Amino acid sequence: WKVEPILADSSAHELLATGLSAVRTDDLDMARQVESALAARADDGGDQDRITHKEIAASIRAAEAHATEAVALMDEAIELVETLRLPNGAANPVKPPYELYGEILLQLNRPADALEKFESSLLRMPNRMRSRLGAARAAAKTGSRDIAYVHYAALTEFWVGDKEDPTFQEARDFVATSTNQE
């Protein structure tokens, strides 16, 4: 996670990445600055700007343990997303709202609800690795080992990158453990 400075010409994608990085590194002051910058854009911009603003605002509220507010903001983001066409290419915004919603719900210890959001994300963007990972983790936390296995196995099958990455190892270990239990 890398927190970049907010510039006058920072794109909404850059602000979203900076805001999420700030939340993940517990720099909530910077996250609030990003939220303010995105709020100004949301007032003048389109649905994507409003979605991005709600994503950062919800992430901040979740980090502050304001679960009800975080969920309400993500519900608003999803409502906006549902008015847009399905993505056909790179994620836009760069952190799909259903995926982020699932991550927030996992953080709030609501794995069954999180699994539903990750599965919605995968319907919109099949085989997106972060959504697969979230779905696997959520399924495992609900005790749905078969569903977790499907998602972890897909992660290992489609993985591109360093095989020493902790995410790959998590998926590989789950698959190996599940295979050994049969």
C-alpha atoms as a PDB file:
ATOM      1  CA  TRP A   1       0.000   0.000   0.000  1.00  0.00           C
ATOM      2  CA  LYS A   2       1.382   3.346  -1.047  1.00  0.00           C
ATOM      3  CA  VAL A   3      -0.133   6.693  -0.135  1.00  0.00           C
ATOM      4  CA  GLU A   4       0.473   9.262  -2.853  1.00  0.00           C
ATOM      5  CA  PRO A   5       0.035  13.004  -2.452  1.00  0.00           C
ATOM      6  CA  ILE A   6      -3.215  14.543  -3.632  1.00  0.00           C
ATOM      7  CA  LEU A   7      -2.586  16.764  -6.632  1.00  0.00           C
ATOM      8  CA  ALA A   8      -4.913  19.100  -8.485  1.00  0.00           C
ATOM      9  CA  ASP A   9      -4.789  16.782 -11.500  1.00  0.00           C
ATOM     10  CA  SER A  10      -5.068  13.493  -9.591  1.00  0.00           C
ATOM     11  CA  SER A  11      -7.525  11.226 -11.385  1.00  0.00           C
ATOM     12  CA  ALA A  12     -10.435   9.609  -9.578  1.00  0.00           C
ATOM     13  CA  HIS A  13      -8.611   6.271  -9.917  1.00  0.00           C
ATOM     14  CA  GLU A  14      -5.494   7.725  -8.293  1.00  0.00           C
ATOM     15  CA  LEU A  15      -7.558   9.235  -5.495  1.00  0.00           C
ATOM     16  CA  LEU A  16      -9.332   5.932  -4.915  1.00  0.00           C
ATOM     17  CA  ALA A  17      -6.009   4.080  -4.744  1.00  0.00           C
ATOM     18  CA  THR A  18      -4.562   6.700  -2.405  1.00  0.00           C
ATOM     19  CA  GLY A  19      -7.658   6.685  -0.204  1.00  0.00           C
ATOM     20  CA  LEU A  20      -7.749   2.896   0.073  1.00  0.00           C
ATOM     21  CA  SER A  21      -4.007   2.832   0.775  1.00  0.00           C
ATOM     22  CA  ALA A  22      -4.442   5.473   3.452  1.00  0.00           C
ATOM     23  CA  VAL A  23      -7.200   3.461   5.126  1.00  0.00           C
ATOM     24  CA  ARG A  24      -5.140   0.254   4.959  1.00  0.00           C
ATOM     25  CA  THR A  25      -2.116   1.987   6.500  1.00  0.00           C
ATOM     26  CA  ASP A  26      -4.242   3.648   9.206  1.00  0.00           C
ATOM     27  CA  ASP A  27      -3.613   7.135   7.852  1.00  0.00           C
ATOM     28  CA  LEU A  28      -7.215   8.225   8.308  1.00  0.00           C
ATOM     29  CA  ASP A  29      -6.321  11.922   8.108  1.00  0.00           C
ATOM     30  CA  MET A  30      -5.088  11.394   4.545  1.00  0.00           C
ATOM     31  CA  ALA A  31      -8.104   9.197   3.798  1.00  0.00           C
ATOM     32  CA  ARG A  32     -10.384  12.038   4.924  1.00  0.00           C
ATOM     33  CA  GLN A  33      -8.509  14.449   2.634  1.00  0.00           C
ATOM     34  CA  VAL A  34      -9.145  12.054  -0.248  1.00  0.00           C
ATOM     35  CA  GLU A  35     -12.789  11.784   0.808  1.00  0.00           C
ATOM     36  CA  SER A  36     -13.068  15.595   0.656  1.00  0.00           C
ATOM     37  CA  ALA A  37     -11.403  15.745  -2.760  1.00  0.00           C
ATOM     38  CA  LEU A  38     -13.738  13.047  -4.071  1.00  0.00           C
ATOM     39  CA  ALA A  39     -16.772  14.763  -2.513  1.00  0.00           C
ATOM     40  CA  ALA A  40     -16.008  17.888  -4.542  1.00  0.00           C
ATOM     41  CA  ARG A  41     -15.769  15.789  -7.700  1.00  0.00           C
ATOM     42  CA  ALA A  42     -18.921  13.852  -6.847  1.00  0.00           C
ATOM     43  CA  ASP A  43     -20.903  17.087  -6.644  1.00  0.00           C
ATOM     44  CA  ASP A  44     -19.836  18.086 -10.157  1.00  0.00           C
ATOM     45  CA  GLY A  45     -19.099  14.699 -11.721  1.00  0.00           C
ATOM     46  CA  GLY A  46     -20.889  11.622 -12.903  1.00  0.00           C
ATOM     47  CA  ASP A  47     -21.845   8.325 -11.355  1.00  0.00           C
ATOM     48  CA  GLN A  48     -18.259   7.004 -11.322  1.00  0.00           C
ATOM     49  CA  ASP A  49     -17.143   9.948  -9.187  1.00  0.00           C
ATOM     50  CA  ARG A  50     -20.067   9.436  -6.809  1.00  0.00           C
ATOM     51  CA  ILE A  51     -19.318   5.697  -6.558  1.00  0.00           C
ATOM     52  CA  THR A  52     -15.636   6.324  -5.843  1.00  0.00           C
ATOM     53  CA  HIS A  53     -16.527   8.877  -3.160  1.00  0.00           C
ATOM     54  CA  LYS A  54     -18.912   6.436  -1.466  1.00  0.00           C
ATOM     55  CA  GLU A  55     -16.272   3.675  -1.579  1.00  0.00           C
ATOM     56  CA  ILE A  56     -13.721   5.816   0.271  1.00  0.00           C
ATOM     57  CA  ALA A  57     -16.289   7.175   2.706  1.00  0.00           C
ATOM     58  CA  ALA A  58     -17.472   3.625   3.492  1.00  0.00           C
ATOM     59  CA  SER A  59     -13.897   2.390   3.927  1.00  0.00           C
ATOM     60  CA  ILE A  60     -13.194   5.165   6.415  1.00  0.00           C
ATOM     61  CA  ARG A  61     -16.404   4.465   8.358  1.00  0.00           C
ATOM     62  CA  ALA A  62     -15.554   0.752   8.503  1.00  0.00           C
ATOM     63  CA  ALA A  63     -12.055   1.548   9.776  1.00  0.00           C
ATOM     64  CA  GLU A  64     -13.646   3.740  12.451  1.00  0.00           C
ATOM     65  CA  ALA A  65     -15.977   0.857  13.443  1.00  0.00           C
ATOM     66  CA  HIS A  66     -19.071   2.683  12.181  1.00  0.00           C
ATOM     67  CA  ALA A  67     -20.515  -0.432  10.568  1.00  0.00           C
ATOM     68  CA  THR A  68     -24.025   0.862   9.919  1.00  0.00           C
ATOM     69  CA  GLU A  69     -22.733   3.951   8.109  1.00  0.00           C
ATOM     70  CA  ALA A  70     -20.207   1.901   6.093  1.00  0.00           C
ATOM     71  CA  VAL A  71     -22.904  -0.527   4.960  1.00  0.00           C
ATOM     72  CA  ALA A  72     -25.325   2.285   4.073  1.00  0.00           C
ATOM     73  CA  LEU A  73     -22.664   4.020   1.956  1.00  0.00           C
ATOM     74  CA  MET A  74     -21.822   0.794   0.140  1.00  0.00           C
ATOM     75  CA  ASP A  75     -25.530   0.145  -0.459  1.00  0.00           C
ATOM     76  CA  GLU A  76     -25.682   3.586  -2.098  1.00  0.00           C
ATOM     77  CA  ALA A  77     -22.606   2.791  -4.207  1.00  0.00           C
ATOM     78  CA  ILE A  78     -24.133  -0.512  -5.341  1.00  0.00           C
ATOM     79  CA  GLU A  79     -27.390   1.229  -6.191  1.00  0.00           C
ATOM     80  CA  LEU A  80     -25.432   3.544  -8.505  1.00  0.00           C
ATOM     81  CA  VAL A  81     -23.403   0.674 -10.001  1.00  0.00           C
ATOM     82  CA  GLU A  82     -26.571  -1.189 -10.872  1.00  0.00           C
ATOM     83  CA  THR A  83     -27.635   1.704 -13.141  1.00  0.00           C
ATOM     84  CA  LEU A  84     -24.453   1.332 -15.223  1.00  0.00           C
ATOM     85  CA  ARG A  85     -23.667  -1.203 -17.934  1.00  0.00           C
ATOM     86  CA  LEU A  86     -21.673  -4.276 -17.020  1.00  0.00           C
ATOM     87  CA  PRO A  87     -17.904  -3.799 -17.246  1.00  0.00           C
ATOM     88  CA  ASN A  88     -16.150  -5.124 -20.342  1.00  0.00           C
ATOM     89  CA  GLY A  89     -12.455  -4.750 -19.681  1.00  0.00           C
ATOM     90  CA  ALA A  90     -10.540  -3.254 -16.806  1.00  0.00           C
ATOM     91  CA  ALA A  91     -12.451  -2.539 -13.632  1.00  0.00           C
ATOM     92  CA  ASN A  92     -13.934   0.943 -13.452  1.00  0.00           C
ATOM     93  CA  PRO A  93     -13.608   2.113 -10.759  1.00  0.00           C
ATOM     94  CA  VAL A  94     -10.340   0.262 -10.229  1.00  0.00           C
ATOM     95  CA  LYS A  95     -11.743  -1.311  -7.054  1.00  0.00           C
ATOM     96  CA  PRO A  96     -15.115  -2.774  -8.022  1.00  0.00           C
ATOM     97  CA  PRO A  97     -17.770  -1.785  -5.475  1.00  0.00           C
ATOM     98  CA  TYR A  98     -19.102  -5.310  -4.959  1.00  0.00           C
ATOM     99  CA  GLU A  99     -15.575  -6.495  -4.188  1.00  0.00           C
ATOM    100  CA  LEU A 100     -14.877  -3.656  -1.775  1.00  0.00           C
ATOM    101  CA  TYR A 101     -18.260  -4.212  -0.148  1.00  0.00           C
ATOM    102  CA  GLY A 102     -17.345  -7.859   0.382  1.00  0.00           C
ATOM    103  CA  GLU A 103     -14.025  -6.858   1.940  1.00  0.00           C
ATOM    104  CA  ILE A 104     -15.763  -4.419   4.269  1.00  0.00           C
ATOM    105  CA  LEU A 105     -18.305  -7.070   5.282  1.00  0.00           C
ATOM    106  CA  LEU A 106     -15.480  -9.520   6.014  1.00  0.00           C
ATOM    107  CA  GLN A 107     -13.843  -6.835   8.140  1.00  0.00           C
ATOM    108  CA  LEU A 108     -17.153  -6.432   9.966  1.00  0.00           C
ATOM    109  CA  ASN A 109     -17.281 -10.213  10.563  1.00  0.00           C
ATOM    110  CA  ARG A 110     -20.231 -10.778   8.250  1.00  0.00           C
ATOM    111  CA  PRO A 111     -18.807 -13.540   6.015  1.00  0.00           C
ATOM    112  CA  ALA A 112     -22.126 -14.837   4.638  1.00  0.00           C
ATOM    113  CA  ASP A 113     -23.059 -11.349   3.421  1.00  0.00           C
ATOM    114  CA  ALA A 114     -19.510 -10.867   2.143  1.00  0.00           C
ATOM    115  CA  LEU A 115     -19.691 -14.076   0.105  1.00  0.00           C
ATOM    116  CA  GLU A 116     -22.855 -12.804  -1.578  1.00  0.00           C
ATOM    117  CA  LYS A 117     -21.096  -9.564  -2.595  1.00  0.00           C
ATOM    118  CA  PHE A 118     -17.988 -11.365  -3.868  1.00  0.00           C
ATOM    119  CA  GLU A 119     -20.154 -13.685  -5.938  1.00  0.00           C
ATOM    120  CA  SER A 120     -21.962 -10.662  -7.395  1.00  0.00           C
ATOM    121  CA  SER A 121     -18.574  -9.164  -8.220  1.00  0.00           C
ATOM    122  CA  LEU A 122     -17.584 -12.370 -10.007  1.00  0.00           C
ATOM    123  CA  LEU A 123     -20.795 -12.320 -12.055  1.00  0.00           C
ATOM    124  CA  ARG A 124     -19.834  -8.852 -13.247  1.00  0.00           C
ATOM    125  CA  MET A 125     -16.111  -9.593 -13.685  1.00  0.00           C
ATOM    126  CA  PRO A 126     -15.501 -13.359 -13.917  1.00  0.00           C
ATOM    127  CA  ASN A 127     -12.251 -14.670 -12.471  1.00  0.00           C
ATOM    128  CA  ARG A 128     -11.174 -11.386 -10.934  1.00  0.00           C
ATOM    129  CA  MET A 129      -8.548 -12.672  -8.547  1.00  0.00           C
ATOM    130  CA  ARG A 130      -9.269 -10.333  -5.611  1.00  0.00           C
ATOM    131  CA  SER A 131     -12.966 -11.241  -5.794  1.00  0.00           C
ATOM    132  CA  ARG A 132     -12.056 -14.950  -5.962  1.00  0.00           C
ATOM    133  CA  LEU A 133      -9.815 -14.532  -2.921  1.00  0.00           C
ATOM    134  CA  GLY A 134     -12.525 -12.713  -0.985  1.00  0.00           C
ATOM    135  CA  ALA A 135     -15.125 -15.318  -1.923  1.00  0.00           C
ATOM    136  CA  ALA A 136     -12.789 -18.116  -0.833  1.00  0.00           C
ATOM    137  CA  ARG A 137     -12.069 -16.469   2.504  1.00  0.00           C
ATOM    138  CA  ALA A 138     -15.727 -15.652   3.128  1.00  0.00           C
ATOM    139  CA  ALA A 139     -16.829 -19.190   2.234  1.00  0.00           C
ATOM    140  CA  ALA A 140     -14.174 -20.677   4.494  1.00  0.00           C
ATOM    141  CA  LYS A 141     -15.335 -18.476   7.376  1.00  0.00           C
ATOM    142  CA  THR A 142     -18.934 -19.635   6.898  1.00  0.00           C
ATOM    143  CA  GLY A 143     -17.811 -23.271   6.897  1.00  0.00           C
ATOM    144  CA  SER A 144     -18.625 -23.695   3.197  1.00  0.00           C
ATOM    145  CA  ARG A 145     -15.439 -25.600   2.400  1.00  0.00           C
ATOM    146  CA  ASP A 146     -16.678 -26.797  -1.006  1.00  0.00           C
ATOM    147  CA  ILE A 147     -17.328 -23.229  -2.157  1.00  0.00           C
ATOM    148  CA  ALA A 148     -14.023 -22.058  -0.683  1.00  0.00           C
ATOM    149  CA  TYR A 149     -12.269 -24.893  -2.505  1.00  0.00           C
ATOM    150  CA  VAL A 150     -13.751 -23.848  -5.868  1.00  0.00           C
ATOM    151  CA  HIS A 151     -12.503 -20.272  -5.434  1.00  0.00           C
ATOM    152  CA  TYR A 152      -9.083 -21.182  -4.035  1.00  0.00           C
ATOM    153  CA  ALA A 153      -8.598 -23.782  -6.795  1.00  0.00           C
ATOM    154  CA  ALA A 154      -9.449 -21.172  -9.428  1.00  0.00           C
ATOM    155  CA  LEU A 155      -6.903 -18.826  -7.848  1.00  0.00           C
ATOM    156  CA  THR A 156      -4.177 -21.452  -8.144  1.00  0.00           C
ATOM    157  CA  GLU A 157      -5.208 -22.314 -11.699  1.00  0.00           C
ATOM    158  CA  PHE A 158      -5.273 -18.757 -13.031  1.00  0.00           C
ATOM    159  CA  TRP A 159      -2.467 -17.333 -10.886  1.00  0.00           C
ATOM    160  CA  VAL A 160       0.027 -15.164 -12.742  1.00  0.00           C
ATOM    161  CA  GLY A 161       2.997 -13.976 -10.755  1.00  0.00           C
ATOM    162  CA  ASP A 162       5.220 -14.945  -7.899  1.00  0.00           C
ATOM    163  CA  LYS A 163       4.384 -18.400  -6.563  1.00  0.00           C
ATOM    164  CA  GLU A 164       5.869 -17.301  -3.221  1.00  0.00           C
ATOM    165  CA  ASP A 165       3.197 -14.609  -2.827  1.00  0.00           C
ATOM    166  CA  PRO A 166       1.284 -15.189   0.443  1.00  0.00           C
ATOM    167  CA  THR A 167      -2.041 -15.122  -1.415  1.00  0.00           C
ATOM    168  CA  PHE A 168      -0.966 -17.913  -3.758  1.00  0.00           C
ATOM    169  CA  GLN A 169       0.407 -19.909  -0.835  1.00  0.00           C
ATOM    170  CA  GLU A 170      -2.871 -19.459   1.079  1.00  0.00           C
ATOM    171  CA  ALA A 171      -4.834 -20.797  -1.897  1.00  0.00           C
ATOM    172  CA  ARG A 172      -2.391 -23.640  -2.577  1.00  0.00           C
ATOM    173  CA  ASP A 173      -2.380 -24.696   1.087  1.00  0.00           C
ATOM    174  CA  PHE A 174      -6.185 -24.691   1.293  1.00  0.00           C
ATOM    175  CA  VAL A 175      -6.474 -26.782  -1.878  1.00  0.00           C
ATOM    176  CA  ALA A 176      -3.814 -29.222  -0.662  1.00  0.00           C
ATOM    177  CA  THR A 177      -5.443 -29.561   2.761  1.00  0.00           C
ATOM    178  CA  SER A 178      -8.882 -30.074   1.211  1.00  0.00           C
ATOM    179  CA  THR A 179      -7.555 -32.671  -1.235  1.00  0.00           C
ATOM    180  CA  ASN A 180      -5.845 -34.560   1.597  1.00  0.00           C
ATOM    181  CA  GLN A 181      -9.101 -34.689   3.587  1.00  0.00           C
ATOM    182  CA  GLU A 182     -11.041 -36.478   0.844  1.00  0.00           C
END
